[in-house]
Amino acid sequence: MAYATIEQLTEKLGRTPVNAQQLLDRASRDVDRALLCAVYDPEDQDVVTALREATLEQIAAGFDHGDVTGSGTRRRGGFSIGRITVQAASADDTPAKIGGLWEQAWTILQAAGLTGHGPQSR
């Protein structure tokens, strides 16, 4: 289950990507992976908001860095003609990620107290 809706994604991006549901599902899985050891109340409205906003930010930041599929890969600009290859210059060739999350998505979860939890046993 995705933590955000297509309507919320459209509001965040200003448009609806053709693969909107796929993006939401993948970003929600990224958020889930970051919270594997976290203990939280899934009905707490602050938690629900943080999960939604982190999911949307994960997609938006991915778009900013050329990931239009939500798979974590980046599209690189450039072309080849024979043995000559031209690559597009990038001011930020190493985007900020913490684990599998873009920095802004991680920051949202961190501010909500959902990160930094280790495994627990009884």
C-alpha atoms as a PDB file:
ATOM      1  CA  MET A   1       0.000   0.000   0.000  1.00  0.00           C
ATOM      2  CA  ALA A   2       1.363   3.396  -0.975  1.00  0.00           C
ATOM      3  CA  TYR A   3       1.664   6.105   1.658  1.00  0.00           C
ATOM      4  CA  ALA A   4       0.386   8.798  -0.715  1.00  0.00           C
ATOM      5  CA  THR A   5      -2.226   9.095  -3.438  1.00  0.00           C
ATOM      6  CA  ILE A   6      -1.933   9.983  -7.097  1.00  0.00           C
ATOM      7  CA  GLU A   7      -3.766  13.233  -6.341  1.00  0.00           C
ATOM      8  CA  GLN A   8      -1.195  14.144  -3.667  1.00  0.00           C
ATOM      9  CA  LEU A   9       1.643  13.301  -6.058  1.00  0.00           C
ATOM     10  CA  THR A  10       0.071  15.475  -8.757  1.00  0.00           C
ATOM     11  CA  GLU A  11      -0.167  18.356  -6.291  1.00  0.00           C
ATOM     12  CA  LYS A  12       3.494  17.888  -5.292  1.00  0.00           C
ATOM     13  CA  LEU A  13       4.871  17.663  -8.837  1.00  0.00           C
ATOM     14  CA  GLY A  14       2.419  19.936 -10.613  1.00  0.00           C
ATOM     15  CA  ARG A  15       1.587  17.143 -13.072  1.00  0.00           C
ATOM     16  CA  THR A  16       0.614  13.479 -13.084  1.00  0.00           C
ATOM     17  CA  PRO A  17       3.320  11.111 -14.337  1.00  0.00           C
ATOM     18  CA  VAL A  18       2.020   8.271 -16.521  1.00  0.00           C
ATOM     19  CA  ASN A  19       3.581   5.789 -14.061  1.00  0.00           C
ATOM     20  CA  ALA A  20       2.280   7.575 -10.956  1.00  0.00           C
ATOM     21  CA  GLN A  21       1.098   4.463  -9.104  1.00  0.00           C
ATOM     22  CA  GLN A  22       4.356   2.654  -9.814  1.00  0.00           C
ATOM     23  CA  LEU A  23       6.312   5.626  -8.461  1.00  0.00           C
ATOM     24  CA  LEU A  24       4.177   5.741  -5.319  1.00  0.00           C
ATOM     25  CA  ASP A  25       4.549   2.009  -4.717  1.00  0.00           C
ATOM     26  CA  ARG A  26       8.320   2.074  -5.177  1.00  0.00           C
ATOM     27  CA  ALA A  27       8.831   5.164  -3.024  1.00  0.00           C
ATOM     28  CA  SER A  28       6.652   3.650  -0.290  1.00  0.00           C
ATOM     29  CA  ARG A  29       8.829   0.521  -0.353  1.00  0.00           C
ATOM     30  CA  ASP A  30      11.916   2.733  -0.047  1.00  0.00           C
ATOM     31  CA  VAL A  31      10.375   4.374   3.030  1.00  0.00           C
ATOM     32  CA  ASP A  32       9.452   0.966   4.467  1.00  0.00           C
ATOM     33  CA  ARG A  33      13.040  -0.244   4.006  1.00  0.00           C
ATOM     34  CA  ALA A  34      14.345   2.783   5.923  1.00  0.00           C
ATOM     35  CA  LEU A  35      11.958   2.022   8.807  1.00  0.00           C
ATOM     36  CA  LEU A  36      12.548  -1.725   9.174  1.00  0.00           C
ATOM     37  CA  CYS A  37      13.437  -1.463  12.882  1.00  0.00           C
ATOM     38  CA  ALA A  38      11.257   1.521  13.778  1.00  0.00           C
ATOM     39  CA  VAL A  39       8.419   1.088  16.232  1.00  0.00           C
ATOM     40  CA  TYR A  40       5.573   3.518  15.672  1.00  0.00           C
ATOM     41  CA  ASP A  41       1.811   3.848  15.765  1.00  0.00           C
ATOM     42  CA  PRO A  42       0.624   3.638  12.128  1.00  0.00           C
ATOM     43  CA  GLU A  43      -2.558   5.493  13.064  1.00  0.00           C
ATOM     44  CA  ASP A  44      -0.782   8.501  14.645  1.00  0.00           C
ATOM     45  CA  GLN A  45      -1.530  11.442  12.344  1.00  0.00           C
ATOM     46  CA  ASP A  46       2.001  12.849  12.689  1.00  0.00           C
ATOM     47  CA  VAL A  47       3.397   9.489  11.557  1.00  0.00           C
ATOM     48  CA  VAL A  48       0.908   9.235   8.682  1.00  0.00           C
ATOM     49  CA  THR A  49       1.891  12.738   7.551  1.00  0.00           C
ATOM     50  CA  ALA A  50       5.623  11.966   7.763  1.00  0.00           C
ATOM     51  CA  LEU A  51       5.220   8.740   5.767  1.00  0.00           C
ATOM     52  CA  ARG A  52       3.196  10.542   3.088  1.00  0.00           C
ATOM     53  CA  GLU A  53       5.549  13.521   2.837  1.00  0.00           C
ATOM     54  CA  ALA A  54       8.678  11.331   2.770  1.00  0.00           C
ATOM     55  CA  THR A  55       7.151   9.225  -0.016  1.00  0.00           C
ATOM     56  CA  LEU A  56       6.302  12.301  -2.080  1.00  0.00           C
ATOM     57  CA  GLU A  57       9.717  13.840  -1.456  1.00  0.00           C
ATOM     58  CA  GLN A  58      11.414  10.590  -2.486  1.00  0.00           C
ATOM     59  CA  ILE A  59       9.678  10.809  -5.864  1.00  0.00           C
ATOM     60  CA  ALA A  60      10.254  14.553  -6.322  1.00  0.00           C
ATOM     61  CA  ALA A  61      13.963  14.289  -5.477  1.00  0.00           C
ATOM     62  CA  GLY A  62      14.291  11.296  -7.772  1.00  0.00           C
ATOM     63  CA  PHE A  63      12.819  13.342 -10.607  1.00  0.00           C
ATOM     64  CA  ASP A  64      15.272  16.157  -9.833  1.00  0.00           C
ATOM     65  CA  HIS A  65      18.120  13.675 -10.309  1.00  0.00           C
ATOM     66  CA  GLY A  66      16.768  12.011 -13.467  1.00  0.00           C
ATOM     67  CA  ASP A  67      15.065   8.966 -11.918  1.00  0.00           C
ATOM     68  CA  VAL A  68      11.696   8.965 -13.682  1.00  0.00           C
ATOM     69  CA  THR A  69      10.902   5.309 -12.929  1.00  0.00           C
ATOM     70  CA  GLY A  70      11.465   5.224  -9.177  1.00  0.00           C
ATOM     71  CA  SER A  71      14.000   2.428  -9.623  1.00  0.00           C
ATOM     72  CA  GLY A  72      16.911   4.412  -8.236  1.00  0.00           C
ATOM     73  CA  THR A  73      18.695   4.802 -11.563  1.00  0.00           C
ATOM     74  CA  ARG A  74      19.508   8.107 -13.121  1.00  0.00           C
ATOM     75  CA  ARG A  75      19.076   9.144 -16.720  1.00  0.00           C
ATOM     76  CA  ARG A  76      22.275  10.576 -18.079  1.00  0.00           C
ATOM     77  CA  GLY A  77      22.259  13.114 -20.876  1.00  0.00           C
ATOM     78  CA  GLY A  78      24.570  12.804 -23.828  1.00  0.00           C
ATOM     79  CA  PHE A  79      25.037  11.059 -27.141  1.00  0.00           C
ATOM     80  CA  SER A  80      27.535   9.122 -29.228  1.00  0.00           C
ATOM     81  CA  ILE A  81      28.583   9.499 -32.845  1.00  0.00           C
ATOM     82  CA  GLY A  82      30.976   6.783 -33.940  1.00  0.00           C
ATOM     83  CA  ARG A  83      33.850   6.756 -31.453  1.00  0.00           C
ATOM     84  CA  ILE A  84      33.001  10.161 -29.990  1.00  0.00           C
ATOM     85  CA  THR A  85      30.836  10.304 -26.872  1.00  0.00           C
ATOM     86  CA  VAL A  86      29.479  13.516 -25.366  1.00  0.00           C
ATOM     87  CA  GLN A  87      28.107  13.522 -21.809  1.00  0.00           C
ATOM     88  CA  ALA A  88      26.000  16.289 -20.322  1.00  0.00           C
ATOM     89  CA  ALA A  89      27.747  18.135 -17.516  1.00  0.00           C
ATOM     90  CA  SER A  90      26.281  17.783 -14.065  1.00  0.00           C
ATOM     91  CA  ALA A  91      26.816  20.234 -11.219  1.00  0.00           C
ATOM     92  CA  ASP A  92      25.747  17.556  -8.765  1.00  0.00           C
ATOM     93  CA  ASP A  93      27.050  14.211  -9.958  1.00  0.00           C
ATOM     94  CA  THR A  94      26.781  12.622  -6.510  1.00  0.00           C
ATOM     95  CA  PRO A  95      23.266  13.233  -5.189  1.00  0.00           C
ATOM     96  CA  ALA A  96      22.762  13.099  -1.440  1.00  0.00           C
ATOM     97  CA  LYS A  97      21.212   9.804  -0.375  1.00  0.00           C
ATOM     98  CA  ILE A  98      21.008   8.234   3.039  1.00  0.00           C
ATOM     99  CA  GLY A  99      20.604   4.533   2.507  1.00  0.00           C
ATOM    100  CA  GLY A 100      18.025   4.249  -0.249  1.00  0.00           C
ATOM    101  CA  LEU A 101      16.333   7.567   0.526  1.00  0.00           C
ATOM    102  CA  TRP A 102      17.043  10.985  -0.851  1.00  0.00           C
ATOM    103  CA  GLU A 103      18.187  13.369   1.857  1.00  0.00           C
ATOM    104  CA  GLN A 104      14.928  15.329   2.106  1.00  0.00           C
ATOM    105  CA  ALA A 105      12.829  12.176   2.500  1.00  0.00           C
ATOM    106  CA  TRP A 106      15.171  10.925   5.248  1.00  0.00           C
ATOM    107  CA  THR A 107      15.039  14.308   7.005  1.00  0.00           C
ATOM    108  CA  ILE A 108      11.230  14.173   7.145  1.00  0.00           C
ATOM    109  CA  LEU A 109      11.317  10.720   8.748  1.00  0.00           C
ATOM    110  CA  GLN A 110      14.092  11.775  11.123  1.00  0.00           C
ATOM    111  CA  ALA A 111      12.173  14.863  12.275  1.00  0.00           C
ATOM    112  CA  ALA A 112       9.198  12.610  13.061  1.00  0.00           C
ATOM    113  CA  GLY A 113      11.428  10.377  15.222  1.00  0.00           C
ATOM    114  CA  LEU A 114      11.111   7.402  12.882  1.00  0.00           C
ATOM    115  CA  THR A 115      14.811   6.798  12.153  1.00  0.00           C
ATOM    116  CA  GLY A 116      17.791   5.658  14.172  1.00  0.00           C
ATOM    117  CA  HIS A 117      16.167   2.589  15.680  1.00  0.00           C
ATOM    118  CA  GLY A 118      18.138  -0.618  16.005  1.00  0.00           C
ATOM    119  CA  PRO A 119      16.770  -4.138  16.188  1.00  0.00           C
ATOM    120  CA  GLN A 120      14.953  -4.931  19.432  1.00  0.00           C
ATOM    121  CA  SER A 121      14.595  -8.221  21.245  1.00  0.00           C
ATOM    122  CA  ARG A 122      12.802  -9.295  24.386  1.00  0.00           C
END
